[in-house]
Amino acid sequence: MRADGVESRTLTVFIVEDTPIVVQVLTRALAGLNGIELCGHTGRVRDALARIAHLQPDVVILDVHLEDGSGLDLLRQFRQQPAAPVIIMFSNSAYLRAHCLRGGADHFFDKSTEFQELVATLKKLNGEHPGS
């Protein structure tokens, strides 16, 4: 419980990203956020569904282009599940923003220009003020 009497909980995040430096940057950013925990990551489409089904994260950060397939295919599959996590598409392919959002992504952020917006969204999802 927090000092203000509000019950605190941990927001769990799973990353689907095949670029090691991006995974590293995201991992460091998540480690610095109170109440947010990285529960796993993979760079492969074929591993993502099973691991996410097992871990049941609150949020999935999902790249569009992966080494063995498309994050768009995963997005479609997540949206067919009754209790899908919040899906944040995180890609350099900003031209796909509208397509991803129409396809069911909850958020879309460009890796090269919107990293701070991604962090602010995670804080908001966890109930923190984005400036904290």
N, C-alpha and C. Protein backbone atom coordinates (compact mmCIF):
# COMPACT_ATOMS: atom_id res chain seq x y z
N MET A 1 0.85 -1.17 0.00
CA MET A 1 0.00 0.00 0.00
C MET A 1 0.89 1.23 0.00
N ARG A 2 0.49 2.23 -0.78
CA ARG A 2 1.24 3.47 -0.86
C ARG A 2 0.94 4.34 0.36
N ALA A 3 1.75 5.37 0.55
CA ALA A 3 1.59 6.28 1.69
C ALA A 3 0.24 6.99 1.67
N ASP A 4 -0.34 7.17 0.47
CA ASP A 4 -1.63 7.86 0.38
C ASP A 4 -2.82 6.93 0.59
N GLY A 5 -2.56 5.66 0.97
CA GLY A 5 -3.61 4.71 1.27
C GLY A 5 -4.15 3.96 0.07
N VAL A 6 -3.64 4.25 -1.12
CA VAL A 6 -4.09 3.57 -2.33
C VAL A 6 -3.32 2.27 -2.49
N GLU A 7 -4.04 1.21 -2.79
CA GLU A 7 -3.40 -0.08 -3.02
C GLU A 7 -2.52 -0.01 -4.26
N SER A 8 -1.27 -0.40 -4.11
CA SER A 8 -0.37 -0.37 -5.26
C SER A 8 -0.30 -1.75 -5.89
N ARG A 9 -0.04 -1.77 -7.18
CA ARG A 9 0.12 -3.04 -7.88
C ARG A 9 1.19 -2.86 -8.93
N THR A 10 1.69 -3.95 -9.40
CA THR A 10 2.74 -3.92 -10.40
C THR A 10 2.14 -4.12 -11.78
N LEU A 11 2.49 -3.25 -12.70
CA LEU A 11 2.10 -3.37 -14.10
C LEU A 11 3.16 -4.23 -14.77
N THR A 12 2.77 -5.35 -15.34
CA THR A 12 3.73 -6.23 -16.00
C THR A 12 3.77 -5.97 -17.49
N VAL A 13 4.99 -5.99 -18.04
CA VAL A 13 5.22 -5.65 -19.44
C VAL A 13 6.05 -6.76 -20.10
N PHE A 14 5.64 -7.14 -21.29
CA PHE A 14 6.38 -8.11 -22.10
C PHE A 14 6.78 -7.40 -23.39
N ILE A 15 8.04 -7.58 -23.81
CA ILE A 15 8.55 -6.93 -25.01
C ILE A 15 8.72 -7.97 -26.13
N VAL A 16 8.18 -7.66 -27.31
CA VAL A 16 8.41 -8.46 -28.51
C VAL A 16 9.20 -7.58 -29.47
N GLU A 17 10.51 -7.80 -29.49
CA GLU A 17 11.44 -6.93 -30.23
C GLU A 17 12.68 -7.76 -30.56
N ASP A 18 13.15 -7.66 -31.81
CA ASP A 18 14.30 -8.46 -32.22
C ASP A 18 15.61 -7.68 -32.34
N THR A 19 15.60 -6.41 -32.00
CA THR A 19 16.82 -5.61 -32.05
C THR A 19 17.38 -5.48 -30.64
N PRO A 20 18.55 -6.11 -30.37
CA PRO A 20 19.07 -6.14 -28.99
C PRO A 20 19.22 -4.77 -28.33
N ILE A 21 19.67 -3.77 -29.05
CA ILE A 21 19.86 -2.46 -28.43
C ILE A 21 18.52 -1.85 -28.02
N VAL A 22 17.47 -2.08 -28.78
CA VAL A 22 16.15 -1.57 -28.41
C VAL A 22 15.65 -2.29 -27.16
N VAL A 23 15.85 -3.61 -27.11
CA VAL A 23 15.47 -4.37 -25.90
C VAL A 23 16.22 -3.82 -24.69
N GLN A 24 17.50 -3.56 -24.86
CA GLN A 24 18.33 -3.04 -23.77
C GLN A 24 17.82 -1.67 -23.29
N VAL A 25 17.54 -0.78 -24.21
CA VAL A 25 17.04 0.56 -23.85
C VAL A 25 15.69 0.45 -23.14
N LEU A 26 14.79 -0.36 -23.67
CA LEU A 26 13.48 -0.54 -23.03
C LEU A 26 13.62 -1.15 -21.64
N THR A 27 14.49 -2.14 -21.51
CA THR A 27 14.71 -2.80 -20.23
C THR A 27 15.21 -1.81 -19.19
N ARG A 28 16.17 -0.99 -19.57
CA ARG A 28 16.69 0.04 -18.66
C ARG A 28 15.61 1.04 -18.27
N ALA A 29 14.82 1.46 -19.24
CA ALA A 29 13.75 2.42 -18.95
C ALA A 29 12.73 1.82 -17.98
N LEU A 30 12.34 0.57 -18.21
CA LEU A 30 11.36 -0.07 -17.34
C LEU A 30 11.90 -0.24 -15.93
N ALA A 31 13.19 -0.55 -15.81
CA ALA A 31 13.80 -0.74 -14.50
C ALA A 31 13.74 0.53 -13.66
N GLY A 32 13.68 1.67 -14.32
CA GLY A 32 13.64 2.95 -13.61
C GLY A 32 12.24 3.43 -13.28
N LEU A 33 11.22 2.65 -13.59
CA LEU A 33 9.84 3.07 -13.36
C LEU A 33 9.25 2.32 -12.17
N ASN A 34 8.76 3.06 -11.20
CA ASN A 34 8.14 2.44 -10.03
C ASN A 34 6.86 1.71 -10.41
N GLY A 35 6.71 0.51 -9.89
CA GLY A 35 5.48 -0.24 -10.09
C GLY A 35 5.33 -0.87 -11.47
N ILE A 36 6.40 -0.87 -12.26
CA ILE A 36 6.35 -1.47 -13.59
C ILE A 36 7.47 -2.49 -13.68
N GLU A 37 7.13 -3.69 -14.12
CA GLU A 37 8.09 -4.79 -14.14
C GLU A 37 8.12 -5.47 -15.51
N LEU A 38 9.31 -5.68 -16.02
CA LEU A 38 9.48 -6.46 -17.24
C LEU A 38 9.34 -7.93 -16.86
N CYS A 39 8.37 -8.62 -17.46
CA CYS A 39 8.17 -10.03 -17.13
C CYS A 39 8.76 -10.95 -18.18
N GLY A 40 9.23 -10.40 -19.31
CA GLY A 40 9.87 -11.24 -20.32
C GLY A 40 9.99 -10.52 -21.64
N HIS A 41 10.75 -11.14 -22.53
CA HIS A 41 10.85 -10.61 -23.89
C HIS A 41 11.27 -11.73 -24.84
N THR A 42 10.96 -11.52 -26.09
CA THR A 42 11.37 -12.41 -27.17
C THR A 42 11.47 -11.58 -28.44
N GLY A 43 12.25 -12.07 -29.37
CA GLY A 43 12.35 -11.42 -30.66
C GLY A 43 11.69 -12.22 -31.76
N ARG A 44 10.97 -13.26 -31.37
CA ARG A 44 10.39 -14.17 -32.37
C ARG A 44 8.87 -14.27 -32.24
N VAL A 45 8.22 -14.20 -33.38
CA VAL A 45 6.77 -14.36 -33.42
C VAL A 45 6.38 -15.72 -32.84
N ARG A 46 7.11 -16.76 -33.24
CA ARG A 46 6.71 -18.12 -32.84
C ARG A 46 6.79 -18.35 -31.33
N ASP A 47 7.60 -17.57 -30.62
CA ASP A 47 7.69 -17.70 -29.17
C ASP A 47 6.70 -16.79 -28.44
N ALA A 48 6.34 -15.70 -29.06
CA ALA A 48 5.59 -14.65 -28.38
C ALA A 48 4.24 -15.10 -27.84
N LEU A 49 3.42 -15.73 -28.66
CA LEU A 49 2.07 -16.09 -28.22
C LEU A 49 2.08 -17.01 -27.02
N ALA A 50 2.89 -18.04 -27.06
CA ALA A 50 2.93 -19.01 -25.95
C ALA A 50 3.44 -18.35 -24.67
N ARG A 51 4.50 -17.56 -24.78
CA ARG A 51 5.07 -16.92 -23.59
C ARG A 51 4.11 -15.90 -23.00
N ILE A 52 3.45 -15.15 -23.86
CA ILE A 52 2.51 -14.14 -23.38
C ILE A 52 1.28 -14.82 -22.77
N ALA A 53 0.81 -15.90 -23.37
CA ALA A 53 -0.32 -16.65 -22.80
C ALA A 53 0.04 -17.18 -21.41
N HIS A 54 1.27 -17.64 -21.26
CA HIS A 54 1.71 -18.18 -19.97
C HIS A 54 1.90 -17.08 -18.92
N LEU A 55 2.54 -15.99 -19.30
CA LEU A 55 2.88 -14.93 -18.34
C LEU A 55 1.73 -13.95 -18.09
N GLN A 56 0.84 -13.80 -19.04
CA GLN A 56 -0.31 -12.90 -18.96
C GLN A 56 0.07 -11.49 -18.51
N PRO A 57 0.93 -10.82 -19.28
CA PRO A 57 1.31 -9.44 -18.92
C PRO A 57 0.14 -8.49 -19.11
N ASP A 58 0.25 -7.35 -18.44
CA ASP A 58 -0.76 -6.30 -18.61
C ASP A 58 -0.57 -5.56 -19.93
N VAL A 59 0.70 -5.44 -20.35
CA VAL A 59 1.06 -4.67 -21.54
C VAL A 59 2.05 -5.46 -22.38
N VAL A 60 1.88 -5.39 -23.70
CA VAL A 60 2.86 -5.94 -24.64
C VAL A 60 3.36 -4.79 -25.50
N ILE A 61 4.68 -4.61 -25.52
CA ILE A 61 5.32 -3.66 -26.43
C ILE A 61 5.76 -4.47 -27.63
N LEU A 62 5.22 -4.15 -28.80
CA LEU A 62 5.34 -5.02 -29.97
C LEU A 62 5.91 -4.28 -31.17
N ASP A 63 7.01 -4.81 -31.70
CA ASP A 63 7.60 -4.27 -32.93
C ASP A 63 6.80 -4.77 -34.12
N VAL A 64 6.81 -4.02 -35.20
CA VAL A 64 6.11 -4.43 -36.41
C VAL A 64 6.91 -5.48 -37.18
N HIS A 65 8.19 -5.20 -37.37
CA HIS A 65 9.04 -6.08 -38.18
C HIS A 65 9.90 -6.95 -37.26
N LEU A 66 9.71 -8.26 -37.33
CA LEU A 66 10.46 -9.20 -36.49
C LEU A 66 11.20 -10.19 -37.38
N GLU A 67 12.21 -10.81 -36.84
CA GLU A 67 13.08 -11.66 -37.67
C GLU A 67 12.35 -12.85 -38.30
N ASP A 68 11.28 -13.34 -37.66
CA ASP A 68 10.60 -14.50 -38.23
C ASP A 68 9.15 -14.23 -38.58
N GLY A 69 8.79 -12.95 -38.73
CA GLY A 69 7.42 -12.65 -39.10
C GLY A 69 7.04 -11.22 -38.80
N SER A 70 5.76 -11.01 -38.65
CA SER A 70 5.22 -9.66 -38.51
C SER A 70 4.50 -9.48 -37.18
N GLY A 71 4.78 -8.36 -36.54
CA GLY A 71 4.04 -8.00 -35.34
C GLY A 71 2.58 -7.73 -35.65
N LEU A 72 2.27 -7.39 -36.89
CA LEU A 72 0.88 -7.18 -37.29
C LEU A 72 0.08 -8.49 -37.20
N ASP A 73 0.72 -9.60 -37.54
CA ASP A 73 0.06 -10.91 -37.40
C ASP A 73 -0.21 -11.21 -35.93
N LEU A 74 0.76 -10.89 -35.07
CA LEU A 74 0.55 -11.08 -33.63
C LEU A 74 -0.57 -10.19 -33.12
N LEU A 75 -0.60 -8.96 -33.57
CA LEU A 75 -1.66 -8.03 -33.17
C LEU A 75 -3.03 -8.62 -33.49
N ARG A 76 -3.19 -9.15 -34.69
CA ARG A 76 -4.47 -9.76 -35.08
C ARG A 76 -4.83 -10.92 -34.16
N GLN A 77 -3.84 -11.74 -33.84
CA GLN A 77 -4.09 -12.88 -32.97
C GLN A 77 -4.45 -12.43 -31.54
N PHE A 78 -3.78 -11.42 -31.03
CA PHE A 78 -4.10 -10.91 -29.70
C PHE A 78 -5.53 -10.41 -29.64
N ARG A 79 -5.96 -9.72 -30.69
CA ARG A 79 -7.29 -9.13 -30.69
C ARG A 79 -8.40 -10.18 -30.78
N GLN A 80 -8.06 -11.41 -31.09
CA GLN A 80 -9.04 -12.49 -31.10
C GLN A 80 -9.21 -13.12 -29.72
N GLN A 81 -8.35 -12.77 -28.79
CA GLN A 81 -8.41 -13.31 -27.44
C GLN A 81 -9.36 -12.47 -26.58
N PRO A 82 -10.11 -13.13 -25.70
CA PRO A 82 -11.08 -12.38 -24.89
C PRO A 82 -10.44 -11.42 -23.89
N ALA A 83 -9.30 -11.76 -23.34
CA ALA A 83 -8.65 -10.91 -22.33
C ALA A 83 -7.25 -10.52 -22.81
N ALA A 84 -7.21 -9.80 -23.90
CA ALA A 84 -5.92 -9.41 -24.49
C ALA A 84 -5.27 -8.31 -23.65
N PRO A 85 -3.94 -8.31 -23.61
CA PRO A 85 -3.24 -7.22 -22.92
C PRO A 85 -3.34 -5.92 -23.71
N VAL A 86 -2.93 -4.83 -23.08
CA VAL A 86 -2.79 -3.56 -23.80
C VAL A 86 -1.64 -3.75 -24.79
N ILE A 87 -1.87 -3.41 -26.04
CA ILE A 87 -0.84 -3.58 -27.07
C ILE A 87 -0.31 -2.21 -27.48
N ILE A 88 1.00 -2.05 -27.29
CA ILE A 88 1.70 -0.83 -27.72
C ILE A 88 2.62 -1.21 -28.86
N MET A 89 2.31 -0.73 -30.04
CA MET A 89 3.19 -0.95 -31.18
C MET A 89 4.33 0.07 -31.09
N PHE A 90 5.56 -0.42 -31.28
CA PHE A 90 6.75 0.42 -31.15
C PHE A 90 7.64 0.11 -32.34
N SER A 91 7.68 1.03 -33.30
CA SER A 91 8.32 0.71 -34.57
C SER A 91 8.92 1.94 -35.23
N ASN A 92 9.86 1.70 -36.12
CA ASN A 92 10.39 2.77 -36.97
C ASN A 92 9.51 3.00 -38.18
N SER A 93 8.51 2.18 -38.35
CA SER A 93 7.62 2.26 -39.51
C SER A 93 6.40 3.12 -39.19
N ALA A 94 6.65 4.41 -38.99
CA ALA A 94 5.57 5.33 -38.59
C ALA A 94 4.44 5.39 -39.62
N TYR A 95 4.75 5.08 -40.87
CA TYR A 95 3.71 5.09 -41.90
C TYR A 95 2.64 4.02 -41.64
N LEU A 96 2.93 3.07 -40.74
CA LEU A 96 1.97 2.03 -40.39
C LEU A 96 1.09 2.38 -39.19
N ARG A 97 1.27 3.59 -38.64
CA ARG A 97 0.54 3.99 -37.43
C ARG A 97 -0.97 3.77 -37.58
N ALA A 98 -1.56 4.36 -38.59
CA ALA A 98 -3.02 4.25 -38.76
C ALA A 98 -3.45 2.81 -38.95
N HIS A 99 -2.68 2.06 -39.72
CA HIS A 99 -3.00 0.65 -39.95
C HIS A 99 -2.99 -0.13 -38.64
N CYS A 100 -1.97 0.08 -37.81
CA CYS A 100 -1.87 -0.62 -36.53
C CYS A 100 -3.02 -0.24 -35.60
N LEU A 101 -3.33 1.03 -35.53
CA LEU A 101 -4.41 1.47 -34.66
C LEU A 101 -5.77 0.94 -35.13
N ARG A 102 -5.99 0.94 -36.44
CA ARG A 102 -7.22 0.35 -36.98
C ARG A 102 -7.26 -1.15 -36.72
N GLY A 103 -6.09 -1.77 -36.69
CA GLY A 103 -6.01 -3.22 -36.47
C GLY A 103 -6.14 -3.64 -35.02
N GLY A 104 -6.26 -2.66 -34.13
CA GLY A 104 -6.52 -3.01 -32.74
C GLY A 104 -5.44 -2.63 -31.74
N ALA A 105 -4.34 -2.03 -32.20
CA ALA A 105 -3.32 -1.58 -31.25
C ALA A 105 -3.92 -0.48 -30.38
N ASP A 106 -3.58 -0.50 -29.11
CA ASP A 106 -4.05 0.53 -28.20
C ASP A 106 -3.26 1.82 -28.35
N HIS A 107 -1.96 1.67 -28.69
CA HIS A 107 -1.07 2.82 -28.86
C HIS A 107 -0.06 2.48 -29.95
N PHE A 108 0.51 3.52 -30.56
CA PHE A 108 1.59 3.35 -31.53
C PHE A 108 2.60 4.46 -31.28
N PHE A 109 3.87 4.08 -31.12
CA PHE A 109 4.93 5.06 -30.95
C PHE A 109 6.08 4.76 -31.89
N ASP A 110 6.64 5.84 -32.45
CA ASP A 110 7.79 5.74 -33.34
C ASP A 110 9.04 5.61 -32.48
N LYS A 111 9.85 4.59 -32.73
CA LYS A 111 11.07 4.34 -31.94
C LYS A 111 12.02 5.52 -31.96
N SER A 112 12.10 6.19 -33.09
CA SER A 112 13.12 7.24 -33.23
C SER A 112 12.70 8.58 -32.65
N THR A 113 11.40 8.81 -32.44
CA THR A 113 10.97 10.14 -31.99
C THR A 113 10.01 10.15 -30.80
N GLU A 114 9.47 9.00 -30.40
CA GLU A 114 8.41 9.02 -29.40
C GLU A 114 8.67 8.12 -28.19
N PHE A 115 9.94 7.96 -27.84
CA PHE A 115 10.29 7.11 -26.70
C PHE A 115 9.71 7.66 -25.40
N GLN A 116 9.83 8.95 -25.19
CA GLN A 116 9.31 9.55 -23.94
C GLN A 116 7.79 9.42 -23.85
N GLU A 117 7.11 9.46 -24.98
CA GLU A 117 5.67 9.27 -24.99
C GLU A 117 5.31 7.85 -24.59
N LEU A 118 6.12 6.88 -25.01
CA LEU A 118 5.91 5.49 -24.59
C LEU A 118 6.04 5.37 -23.07
N VAL A 119 7.09 5.95 -22.52
CA VAL A 119 7.31 5.91 -21.07
C VAL A 119 6.15 6.58 -20.34
N ALA A 120 5.72 7.74 -20.82
CA ALA A 120 4.60 8.45 -20.19
C ALA A 120 3.32 7.61 -20.23
N THR A 121 3.11 6.89 -21.31
CA THR A 121 1.92 6.04 -21.43
C THR A 121 1.99 4.89 -20.43
N LEU A 122 3.16 4.29 -20.26
CA LEU A 122 3.30 3.22 -19.27
C LEU A 122 3.01 3.74 -17.87
N LYS A 123 3.51 4.92 -17.55
CA LYS A 123 3.23 5.52 -16.25
C LYS A 123 1.73 5.75 -16.07
N LYS A 124 1.11 6.27 -17.12
CA LYS A 124 -0.33 6.52 -17.05
C LYS A 124 -1.11 5.21 -16.87
N LEU A 125 -0.72 4.18 -17.58
CA LEU A 125 -1.37 2.88 -17.43
C LEU A 125 -1.21 2.33 -16.02
N ASN A 126 -0.12 2.71 -15.36
CA ASN A 126 0.14 2.26 -14.01
C ASN A 126 -0.46 3.20 -12.97
N GLY A 127 -1.13 4.26 -13.42
CA GLY A 127 -1.80 5.15 -12.50
C GLY A 127 -0.94 6.26 -11.97
N GLU A 128 0.26 6.45 -12.51
CA GLU A 128 1.13 7.54 -12.07
C GLU A 128 0.88 8.75 -12.95
N HIS A 129 1.19 9.90 -12.39
CA HIS A 129 1.16 11.13 -13.18
C HIS A 129 2.33 11.06 -14.16
N PRO A 130 2.13 11.31 -15.46
CA PRO A 130 3.20 11.20 -16.46
C PRO A 130 4.45 12.01 -16.13
N GLY A 131 4.36 13.07 -15.37
CA GLY A 131 5.52 13.88 -15.05
C GLY A 131 6.31 13.36 -13.87
N SER A 132 5.83 12.31 -13.19
CA SER A 132 6.53 11.83 -11.98
C SER A 132 7.61 10.85 -12.27
